[in-house]
Amino acid sequence: MKLSDTSIRRPVLTSMVSLALILFGAFLIVRDISRESQTMRLKSEFVHNVSHEFKTPLTLIRLYAEILEHKENLTAEQRSSGFQIITKESDRLSHMINNVLDFSRIEMGKKEFNFEAGDLPALVRDTLESYRYHLEKKGFTIHTEIATPIPETRFDREAMASVVINLLSNAMKFSPEHKEVTVRLRHQADRVALQVEDKGIGIKPSEQKRIFERFYRITDKEAPETRGSGLGLPLVKHIVEAHAGEIRLESEPGQGSLFTVILPLVRPEDPPEKGAK
């Protein structure tokens, strides 16, 4: 019995479709496994790097606490210096912990902001002053260009302080040689622009979009202190966008980086907002 072309093509076509579906299914499985493996690797690196980050301030706190406890012949100046280091390192540790907690709240959709009208230049100056110890300890020269007066702005004080500290911390990590950082605050029509500029290693164009992804960290042999949680810049981006603002980056490898946070100014008729997500 001679089979027609149609009767032959039908099972062949069916087999080809089945094979295509099997291959597509295999591709999806491999992709999911790859994504899960990548996620597990990122989580593992995150735990390792955060543990390392926490270890440094904890070590210094313990060291100076033991010195103050056991050394009896310390001068008043030495004791004061020891207490200052413990206080500053405690603040640094608290900031790291808050970064992790804030990001966890963001992931769960529970991060809330308390928007109130306030003096943004004063907040930037106060935050920079609180972080000055860490910058100077690393040998950094700090320049400030904070314009005044700047109209009253509505913002979450704790969140905006976190933005400044995270950008300063980022500048420190990626400036192993030319240790210079500039903080600017400018009034531009109906907006205010906060800038943090460094003279570090810069960021490759291929990595500039990825630095705001969670857990993503630039790895560069020229910057030995790039280890970190990978949460700082994603947290900054979330905070800025929650303030109806935007963050911009200008950077060239070997020329440093300039981060610009642009926030809208408060209008007199705007009602205060509490608990905004």
Protein backbone atom coordinates (compact mmCIF):
# COMPACT_ATOMS: atom_id res chain seq x y z
CA MET A 1 0.00 0.00 0.00
CA LYS A 2 1.50 3.26 -1.08
CA LEU A 3 1.40 6.08 1.48
CA SER A 4 0.47 9.54 0.28
CA ASP A 5 2.79 12.52 0.79
CA THR A 6 0.25 14.01 3.20
CA SER A 7 0.15 10.91 5.40
CA ILE A 8 3.96 10.93 5.55
CA ARG A 9 4.32 14.66 6.25
CA ARG A 10 1.77 14.70 9.09
CA PRO A 11 3.70 12.46 11.53
CA VAL A 12 7.00 14.08 10.51
CA LEU A 13 5.55 17.50 11.21
CA THR A 14 4.10 16.28 14.50
CA SER A 15 7.49 14.87 15.49
CA MET A 16 9.22 18.12 14.58
CA VAL A 17 6.73 20.15 16.64
CA SER A 18 7.13 17.77 19.56
CA LEU A 19 10.90 17.99 19.31
CA ALA A 20 10.70 21.79 19.19
CA LEU A 21 8.49 21.82 22.29
CA ILE A 22 10.87 19.49 24.11
CA LEU A 23 13.86 21.65 23.18
CA PHE A 24 12.01 24.81 24.24
CA GLY A 25 11.03 23.17 27.54
CA ALA A 26 14.65 22.11 28.09
CA PHE A 27 15.77 25.66 27.37
CA LEU A 28 13.34 27.04 29.96
CA ILE A 29 14.51 24.53 32.55
CA VAL A 30 18.18 25.32 31.91
CA ARG A 31 17.43 29.04 32.01
CA ASP A 32 15.58 28.72 35.33
CA ILE A 33 18.38 26.61 36.79
CA SER A 34 20.92 29.17 35.58
CA ARG A 35 18.93 32.04 37.08
CA GLU A 36 18.52 30.19 40.37
CA SER A 37 22.23 29.36 40.45
CA GLN A 38 23.06 33.00 39.73
CA THR A 39 20.69 34.14 42.49
CA MET A 40 22.20 31.67 44.95
CA ARG A 41 25.69 32.83 44.03
CA LEU A 42 24.73 36.49 44.49
CA LYS A 43 23.11 35.74 47.84
CA SER A 44 26.17 33.81 48.98
CA GLU A 45 28.47 36.66 47.95
CA PHE A 46 26.13 39.13 49.64
CA VAL A 47 26.31 37.30 52.98
CA HIS A 48 30.10 36.99 52.70
CA ASN A 49 30.63 40.65 51.80
CA VAL A 50 28.22 42.01 54.40
CA SER A 51 29.94 39.90 57.06
CA HIS A 52 33.27 41.37 55.99
CA GLU A 53 31.85 44.91 56.03
CA PHE A 54 30.51 44.43 59.57
CA LYS A 55 33.77 42.96 60.81
CA THR A 56 35.86 46.12 60.35
CA PRO A 57 33.87 48.50 62.60
CA LEU A 58 33.23 45.74 65.13
CA THR A 59 36.98 45.06 65.36
CA LEU A 60 37.76 48.74 65.92
CA ILE A 61 35.01 49.11 68.53
CA ARG A 62 36.31 46.12 70.46
CA LEU A 63 39.95 47.22 70.15
CA TYR A 64 39.38 50.73 71.51
CA ALA A 65 36.97 49.49 74.19
CA GLU A 66 39.70 47.13 75.47
CA ILE A 67 42.29 49.93 75.37
CA LEU A 68 40.04 52.25 77.37
CA GLU A 69 39.24 49.50 79.85
CA HIS A 70 42.72 48.12 80.50
CA LYS A 71 45.16 51.00 79.96
CA GLU A 72 45.34 53.21 83.02
CA ASN A 73 47.87 55.84 81.93
CA LEU A 74 45.90 57.27 79.02
CA THR A 75 45.68 61.05 78.77
CA ALA A 76 42.34 62.81 78.64
CA GLU A 77 42.94 63.49 74.95
CA GLN A 78 43.66 59.81 74.23
CA ARG A 79 40.52 58.75 76.08
CA SER A 80 38.43 61.30 74.21
CA SER A 81 39.87 60.11 70.89
CA GLY A 82 39.10 56.48 71.79
CA PHE A 83 35.50 57.33 72.65
CA GLN A 84 35.11 59.30 69.42
CA ILE A 85 36.34 56.35 67.34
CA ILE A 86 33.93 53.99 69.10
CA THR A 87 31.06 56.42 68.48
CA LYS A 88 31.92 56.96 64.81
CA GLU A 89 32.39 53.26 64.11
CA SER A 90 29.10 52.52 65.87
CA ASP A 91 27.40 55.04 63.60
CA ARG A 92 29.03 53.41 60.58
CA LEU A 93 27.85 49.97 61.70
CA SER A 94 24.33 51.30 62.28
CA HIS A 95 24.30 52.71 58.74
CA MET A 96 25.30 49.33 57.27
CA ILE A 97 22.59 47.55 59.25
CA ASN A 98 20.00 50.15 58.22
CA ASN A 99 20.94 49.63 54.56
CA VAL A 100 20.20 45.91 54.84
CA LEU A 101 16.97 46.48 56.80
CA ASP A 102 15.76 49.21 54.42
CA PHE A 103 16.41 47.06 51.38
CA SER A 104 14.58 44.18 53.04
CA ARG A 105 11.57 46.46 53.60
CA ILE A 106 11.72 47.56 49.96
CA GLU A 107 11.74 43.94 48.78
CA MET A 108 8.66 43.23 50.93
CA GLY A 109 6.95 46.45 49.84
CA LYS A 110 6.95 47.77 53.40
CA LYS A 111 9.44 50.64 53.14
CA GLU A 112 7.73 53.85 54.24
CA PHE A 113 8.83 57.48 54.07
CA ASN A 114 7.97 60.42 56.27
CA PHE A 115 7.95 63.52 54.06
CA GLU A 116 8.28 66.81 55.92
CA ALA A 117 9.33 70.30 54.86
CA GLY A 118 12.89 70.97 55.95
CA ASP A 119 16.26 72.59 55.37
CA LEU A 120 18.08 70.38 52.86
CA PRO A 121 21.40 72.33 52.96
CA ALA A 122 21.54 71.86 56.76
CA LEU A 123 20.86 68.14 56.40
CA VAL A 124 23.63 67.74 53.79
CA ARG A 125 26.12 69.67 55.94
CA ASP A 126 25.23 67.72 59.10
CA THR A 127 25.44 64.37 57.32
CA LEU A 128 28.77 65.24 55.71
CA GLU A 129 30.13 66.34 59.09
CA SER A 130 29.08 63.05 60.67
CA TYR A 131 30.87 61.12 57.90
CA ARG A 132 33.93 63.37 57.78
CA TYR A 133 35.86 61.16 60.20
CA HIS A 134 35.67 58.15 57.85
CA LEU A 135 36.72 60.21 54.83
CA GLU A 136 39.65 61.85 56.59
CA LYS A 137 40.74 58.54 58.11
CA LYS A 138 41.12 57.24 54.54
CA GLY A 139 43.12 60.32 53.54
CA PHE A 140 40.41 62.11 51.54
CA THR A 141 40.26 65.82 50.83
CA ILE A 142 36.68 67.08 51.06
CA HIS A 143 35.29 70.03 49.09
CA THR A 144 31.83 71.47 49.66
CA GLU A 145 29.82 73.82 47.45
CA ILE A 146 26.48 74.21 49.18
CA ALA A 147 24.47 77.10 47.79
CA THR A 148 22.29 79.18 50.07
CA PRO A 149 19.57 80.09 50.35
CA ILE A 150 17.69 77.13 48.89
CA PRO A 151 13.90 77.12 49.17
CA GLU A 152 12.36 74.78 51.69
CA THR A 153 12.14 71.23 50.38
CA ARG A 154 9.94 68.32 51.46
CA PHE A 155 11.88 65.13 52.11
CA ASP A 156 12.44 62.22 54.49
CA ARG A 157 15.39 63.28 56.66
CA GLU A 158 16.67 59.79 57.47
CA ALA A 159 16.31 58.59 53.88
CA MET A 160 18.10 61.61 52.37
CA ALA A 161 20.91 61.30 54.91
CA SER A 162 21.25 57.70 53.73
CA VAL A 163 21.53 58.92 50.12
CA VAL A 164 24.41 61.25 51.01
CA ILE A 165 26.25 58.60 53.05
CA ASN A 166 25.85 55.90 50.40
CA LEU A 167 27.18 58.18 47.67
CA LEU A 168 30.14 59.20 49.85
CA SER A 169 30.84 55.57 50.70
CA ASN A 170 30.75 54.69 47.00
CA ALA A 171 33.21 57.51 46.21
CA MET A 172 35.59 56.22 48.88
CA LYS A 173 35.56 52.65 47.58
CA PHE A 174 36.39 53.63 44.02
CA SER A 175 39.07 56.22 44.70
CA PRO A 176 42.13 54.19 45.74
CA GLU A 177 44.70 56.77 44.63
CA HIS A 178 43.31 60.25 43.91
CA LYS A 179 41.43 60.73 47.19
CA GLU A 180 39.28 63.77 46.60
CA VAL A 181 35.52 64.14 46.88
CA THR A 182 33.27 67.13 46.24
CA VAL A 183 29.72 67.57 47.53
CA ARG A 184 27.53 70.20 45.86
CA LEU A 185 24.00 71.40 46.43
CA ARG A 186 22.47 73.76 43.88
CA HIS A 187 19.13 75.42 43.22
CA GLN A 188 17.92 75.05 39.63
CA ALA A 189 14.57 76.78 38.98
CA ASP A 190 11.93 74.44 40.47
CA ARG A 191 14.47 71.76 41.38
CA VAL A 192 17.42 71.19 43.66
CA ALA A 193 20.47 69.19 42.59
CA LEU A 194 22.71 67.28 44.98
CA GLN A 195 26.03 66.12 43.51
CA VAL A 196 28.78 63.86 44.81
CA GLU A 197 31.87 63.79 42.61
CA ASP A 198 35.06 61.76 42.98
CA LYS A 199 38.34 61.50 41.09
CA GLY A 200 38.50 57.72 41.24
CA ILE A 201 38.73 54.91 38.71
CA GLY A 202 35.43 55.72 37.01
CA ILE A 203 32.84 53.29 35.69
CA LYS A 204 32.87 51.55 32.32
CA PRO A 205 29.93 52.45 30.01
CA SER A 206 28.88 48.78 29.95
CA GLU A 207 28.49 48.79 33.73
CA GLN A 208 26.87 52.18 34.27
CA LYS A 209 23.29 50.91 33.94
CA ARG A 210 23.93 47.84 36.08
CA ILE A 211 25.30 49.60 39.15
CA PHE A 212 21.74 50.35 40.30
CA GLU A 213 20.82 46.64 40.25
CA ARG A 214 20.61 44.89 43.61
CA PHE A 215 23.73 42.96 44.65
CA TYR A 216 25.64 44.18 41.58
CA ARG A 217 29.21 45.23 42.35
CA ILE A 218 31.90 46.55 40.06
CA THR A 219 35.00 44.41 40.20
CA ASP A 220 38.15 46.26 39.27
CA LYS A 221 41.70 45.31 40.19
CA GLU A 222 42.49 49.02 40.62
CA ALA A 223 39.97 49.32 43.46
CA PRO A 224 40.78 46.77 46.18
CA GLU A 225 37.95 47.99 48.45
CA THR A 226 35.06 47.27 46.10
CA ARG A 227 33.75 44.54 48.36
CA GLY A 228 30.36 45.49 49.74
CA SER A 229 26.72 44.52 49.98
CA GLY A 230 25.75 45.79 46.52
CA LEU A 231 22.72 47.49 48.09
CA GLY A 232 23.91 51.09 48.45
CA LEU A 233 23.17 52.45 44.97
CA PRO A 234 19.93 50.47 44.44
CA LEU A 235 18.74 51.89 47.78
CA VAL A 236 19.72 55.41 46.70
CA LYS A 237 17.77 55.00 43.45
CA HIS A 238 14.67 53.78 45.29
CA ILE A 239 14.79 56.67 47.79
CA VAL A 240 15.28 59.29 45.07
CA GLU A 241 12.41 57.93 42.98
CA ALA A 242 10.18 57.83 46.08
CA HIS A 243 10.89 61.58 46.34
CA ALA A 244 9.69 62.02 42.72
CA GLY A 245 13.28 62.69 41.71
CA GLU A 246 15.89 61.09 39.49
CA ILE A 247 19.55 60.12 39.75
CA ARG A 248 22.06 60.63 36.95
CA LEU A 249 25.57 59.37 36.44
CA GLU A 250 28.44 60.83 34.44
CA SER A 251 31.62 58.77 34.45
CA GLU A 252 34.64 57.86 32.38
CA PRO A 253 37.17 55.15 33.20
CA GLY A 254 40.15 56.73 34.91
CA GLN A 255 38.44 60.13 35.23
CA GLY A 256 36.14 59.62 38.22
CA SER A 257 32.36 59.70 38.62
CA LEU A 258 29.70 62.33 39.17
CA PHE A 259 26.36 61.31 40.70
CA THR A 260 23.59 63.91 40.50
CA VAL A 261 20.38 63.59 42.50
CA ILE A 262 17.62 65.90 41.24
CA LEU A 263 14.66 66.58 43.54
CA PRO A 264 11.58 68.75 42.95
CA LEU A 265 11.12 71.69 45.31
CA VAL A 266 8.14 71.72 47.62
CA ARG A 267 5.28 73.98 46.63
CA PRO A 268 3.56 76.04 49.35
CA GLU A 269 0.20 74.38 48.63
CA ASP A 270 1.59 70.82 48.85
CA PRO A 271 0.17 69.01 51.88
CA PRO A 272 2.61 67.11 54.13
CA GLU A 273 2.75 63.37 53.45
CA LYS A 274 3.41 60.71 56.04
CA GLY A 275 3.97 57.03 55.50
CA ALA A 276 4.24 57.30 51.72
CA LYS A 277 5.67 54.20 50.08
